[in-house]
Amino acid sequence: MADEEPDVPVMCPECNTETTVPLSDVESTLADHNKEHHGGDTVATVTPEIKEYIADLVAEDLDLLD
C-alpha cells in the first residue's frame, strides 16, 4: 500500500468536528465545508500540529533553522 496517499487531519472548532481526508482532497473539502457552514469564512482548517510540522519542514528545507 505504498501508493496510498496520506490522510490529513482537519478540524472545525466552530462545528466541534475533526476528521481525516486524503491529501488531494484537503483544499476542496475545507473550501466546501467553510462555504456551506460558515459563509466562506476560513473556520475549518488543517489541524495546528500539521501546520507547524509543515512549516518546520519548509524552514528546514530553506536552511532557515541553522
N, C-alpha and C. Protein backbone atom coordinates (compact mmCIF):
# COMPACT_ATOMS: atom_id res chain seq x y z
N MET A 1 0.81 -1.19 0.00
CA MET A 1 0.00 0.00 0.00
C MET A 1 0.86 1.27 0.00
N ALA A 2 2.05 1.17 -0.54
CA ALA A 2 2.95 2.32 -0.57
C ALA A 2 2.43 3.41 -1.50
N ASP A 3 1.53 3.07 -2.42
CA ASP A 3 1.00 4.06 -3.35
C ASP A 3 -0.16 4.86 -2.78
N GLU A 4 -0.63 4.49 -1.59
CA GLU A 4 -1.73 5.21 -0.97
C GLU A 4 -1.27 6.59 -0.55
N GLU A 5 -2.11 7.59 -0.80
CA GLU A 5 -1.74 8.93 -0.36
C GLU A 5 -2.09 9.08 1.12
N PRO A 6 -1.38 9.95 1.80
CA PRO A 6 -1.63 10.12 3.24
C PRO A 6 -2.94 10.84 3.53
N ASP A 7 -3.50 10.54 4.68
CA ASP A 7 -4.66 11.27 5.17
C ASP A 7 -4.17 12.43 6.02
N VAL A 8 -4.89 13.53 5.95
CA VAL A 8 -4.52 14.74 6.68
C VAL A 8 -5.64 15.06 7.68
N PRO A 9 -5.30 15.30 8.94
CA PRO A 9 -6.34 15.65 9.91
C PRO A 9 -6.79 17.10 9.73
N VAL A 10 -8.10 17.27 9.67
CA VAL A 10 -8.70 18.60 9.57
C VAL A 10 -9.71 18.76 10.69
N MET A 11 -9.93 20.01 11.08
CA MET A 11 -10.84 20.27 12.19
C MET A 11 -11.64 21.53 11.96
N CYS A 12 -12.80 21.58 12.62
CA CYS A 12 -13.61 22.79 12.62
C CYS A 12 -14.00 23.06 14.07
N PRO A 13 -13.33 24.04 14.67
CA PRO A 13 -13.62 24.32 16.08
C PRO A 13 -15.05 24.83 16.30
N GLU A 14 -15.61 25.50 15.32
CA GLU A 14 -16.97 26.03 15.47
C GLU A 14 -18.02 24.92 15.42
N CYS A 15 -17.79 23.91 14.60
CA CYS A 15 -18.72 22.77 14.49
C CYS A 15 -18.35 21.67 15.48
N ASN A 16 -17.20 21.82 16.12
CA ASN A 16 -16.68 20.82 17.05
C ASN A 16 -16.51 19.46 16.37
N THR A 17 -15.90 19.50 15.16
CA THR A 17 -15.67 18.28 14.40
C THR A 17 -14.20 18.14 14.05
N GLU A 18 -13.78 16.90 13.89
CA GLU A 18 -12.42 16.59 13.45
C GLU A 18 -12.50 15.31 12.64
N THR A 19 -11.77 15.27 11.52
CA THR A 19 -11.77 14.10 10.65
C THR A 19 -10.45 14.06 9.89
N THR A 20 -10.28 13.04 9.09
CA THR A 20 -9.13 12.98 8.19
C THR A 20 -9.64 12.85 6.77
N VAL A 21 -8.91 13.46 5.85
CA VAL A 21 -9.25 13.38 4.42
C VAL A 21 -7.98 13.12 3.64
N PRO A 22 -8.08 12.49 2.48
CA PRO A 22 -6.90 12.28 1.65
C PRO A 22 -6.25 13.62 1.29
N LEU A 23 -4.94 13.62 1.21
CA LEU A 23 -4.20 14.85 0.94
C LEU A 23 -4.73 15.60 -0.28
N SER A 24 -5.05 14.88 -1.33
CA SER A 24 -5.52 15.53 -2.55
C SER A 24 -6.89 16.18 -2.40
N ASP A 25 -7.63 15.83 -1.35
CA ASP A 25 -8.98 16.38 -1.14
C ASP A 25 -9.03 17.49 -0.09
N VAL A 26 -7.91 17.79 0.55
CA VAL A 26 -7.92 18.74 1.67
C VAL A 26 -8.47 20.09 1.24
N GLU A 27 -7.93 20.67 0.19
CA GLU A 27 -8.34 22.02 -0.23
C GLU A 27 -9.82 22.10 -0.54
N SER A 28 -10.32 21.17 -1.34
CA SER A 28 -11.74 21.23 -1.73
C SER A 28 -12.66 20.91 -0.55
N THR A 29 -12.25 19.98 0.31
CA THR A 29 -13.06 19.63 1.48
C THR A 29 -13.22 20.82 2.41
N LEU A 30 -12.10 21.50 2.68
CA LEU A 30 -12.16 22.67 3.56
C LEU A 30 -12.96 23.80 2.93
N ALA A 31 -12.73 24.05 1.65
CA ALA A 31 -13.47 25.12 0.96
C ALA A 31 -14.97 24.83 0.96
N ASP A 32 -15.34 23.59 0.66
CA ASP A 32 -16.76 23.23 0.64
C ASP A 32 -17.39 23.37 2.02
N HIS A 33 -16.71 22.88 3.04
CA HIS A 33 -17.23 22.96 4.40
C HIS A 33 -17.39 24.42 4.82
N ASN A 34 -16.36 25.21 4.60
CA ASN A 34 -16.42 26.62 5.02
C ASN A 34 -17.48 27.40 4.26
N LYS A 35 -17.66 27.09 2.97
CA LYS A 35 -18.69 27.77 2.19
C LYS A 35 -20.09 27.38 2.68
N GLU A 36 -20.29 26.09 2.90
CA GLU A 36 -21.60 25.59 3.30
C GLU A 36 -22.00 25.98 4.72
N HIS A 37 -21.04 25.94 5.64
CA HIS A 37 -21.37 26.14 7.05
C HIS A 37 -20.97 27.49 7.63
N HIS A 38 -20.06 28.19 6.95
CA HIS A 38 -19.52 29.42 7.55
C HIS A 38 -19.47 30.59 6.58
N GLY A 39 -20.31 30.54 5.55
CA GLY A 39 -20.39 31.65 4.60
C GLY A 39 -19.08 31.93 3.89
N GLY A 40 -18.20 30.94 3.79
CA GLY A 40 -16.93 31.11 3.11
C GLY A 40 -15.79 31.55 4.01
N ASP A 41 -16.09 31.91 5.27
CA ASP A 41 -15.03 32.28 6.20
C ASP A 41 -14.15 31.07 6.50
N THR A 42 -12.86 31.31 6.66
CA THR A 42 -11.93 30.22 6.95
C THR A 42 -12.04 29.83 8.41
N VAL A 43 -12.86 28.85 8.68
CA VAL A 43 -13.05 28.35 10.05
C VAL A 43 -12.46 26.95 10.16
N ALA A 44 -12.91 26.04 9.30
CA ALA A 44 -12.33 24.69 9.27
C ALA A 44 -10.95 24.79 8.63
N THR A 45 -10.01 24.03 9.16
CA THR A 45 -8.63 24.12 8.70
C THR A 45 -7.89 22.83 9.01
N VAL A 46 -6.69 22.73 8.49
CA VAL A 46 -5.80 21.62 8.85
C VAL A 46 -5.44 21.81 10.32
N THR A 47 -5.30 20.72 11.06
CA THR A 47 -5.00 20.83 12.48
C THR A 47 -3.71 21.60 12.71
N PRO A 48 -3.63 22.37 13.79
CA PRO A 48 -2.45 23.20 14.06
C PRO A 48 -1.14 22.41 14.10
N GLU A 49 -1.17 21.20 14.61
CA GLU A 49 0.05 20.40 14.69
C GLU A 49 0.61 20.11 13.30
N ILE A 50 -0.26 19.84 12.35
CA ILE A 50 0.18 19.58 10.98
C ILE A 50 0.72 20.85 10.35
N LYS A 51 0.07 21.97 10.59
CA LYS A 51 0.56 23.25 10.07
C LYS A 51 1.97 23.53 10.59
N GLU A 52 2.19 23.32 11.86
CA GLU A 52 3.51 23.55 12.45
C GLU A 52 4.54 22.60 11.86
N TYR A 53 4.17 21.35 11.69
CA TYR A 53 5.08 20.36 11.12
C TYR A 53 5.49 20.76 9.71
N ILE A 54 4.53 21.17 8.89
CA ILE A 54 4.83 21.58 7.52
C ILE A 54 5.71 22.83 7.51
N ALA A 55 5.41 23.78 8.38
CA ALA A 55 6.24 24.99 8.47
C ALA A 55 7.68 24.63 8.85
N ASP A 56 7.85 23.70 9.77
CA ASP A 56 9.19 23.25 10.16
C ASP A 56 9.92 22.59 8.99
N LEU A 57 9.22 21.76 8.23
CA LEU A 57 9.83 21.11 7.07
C LEU A 57 10.28 22.14 6.04
N VAL A 58 9.45 23.14 5.79
CA VAL A 58 9.80 24.18 4.83
C VAL A 58 11.00 24.98 5.33
N ALA A 59 10.99 25.36 6.60
CA ALA A 59 12.10 26.12 7.17
C ALA A 59 13.39 25.32 7.10
N GLU A 60 13.31 24.03 7.37
CA GLU A 60 14.48 23.16 7.29
C GLU A 60 14.99 23.07 5.85
N ASP A 61 14.06 22.92 4.92
CA ASP A 61 14.42 22.80 3.51
C ASP A 61 15.08 24.09 3.00
N LEU A 62 14.66 25.22 3.53
CA LEU A 62 15.23 26.51 3.12
C LEU A 62 16.44 26.92 3.96
N ASP A 63 16.90 26.00 4.82
CA ASP A 63 18.04 26.25 5.72
C ASP A 63 17.82 27.46 6.63
N LEU A 64 16.60 27.65 7.08
CA LEU A 64 16.30 28.77 7.97
C LEU A 64 16.50 28.41 9.45
N LEU A 65 16.75 27.15 9.73
CA LEU A 65 16.89 26.72 11.12
C LEU A 65 18.33 26.70 11.59
N ASP A 66 19.27 26.92 10.69
CA ASP A 66 20.69 26.89 11.08
C ASP A 66 21.16 28.20 11.64
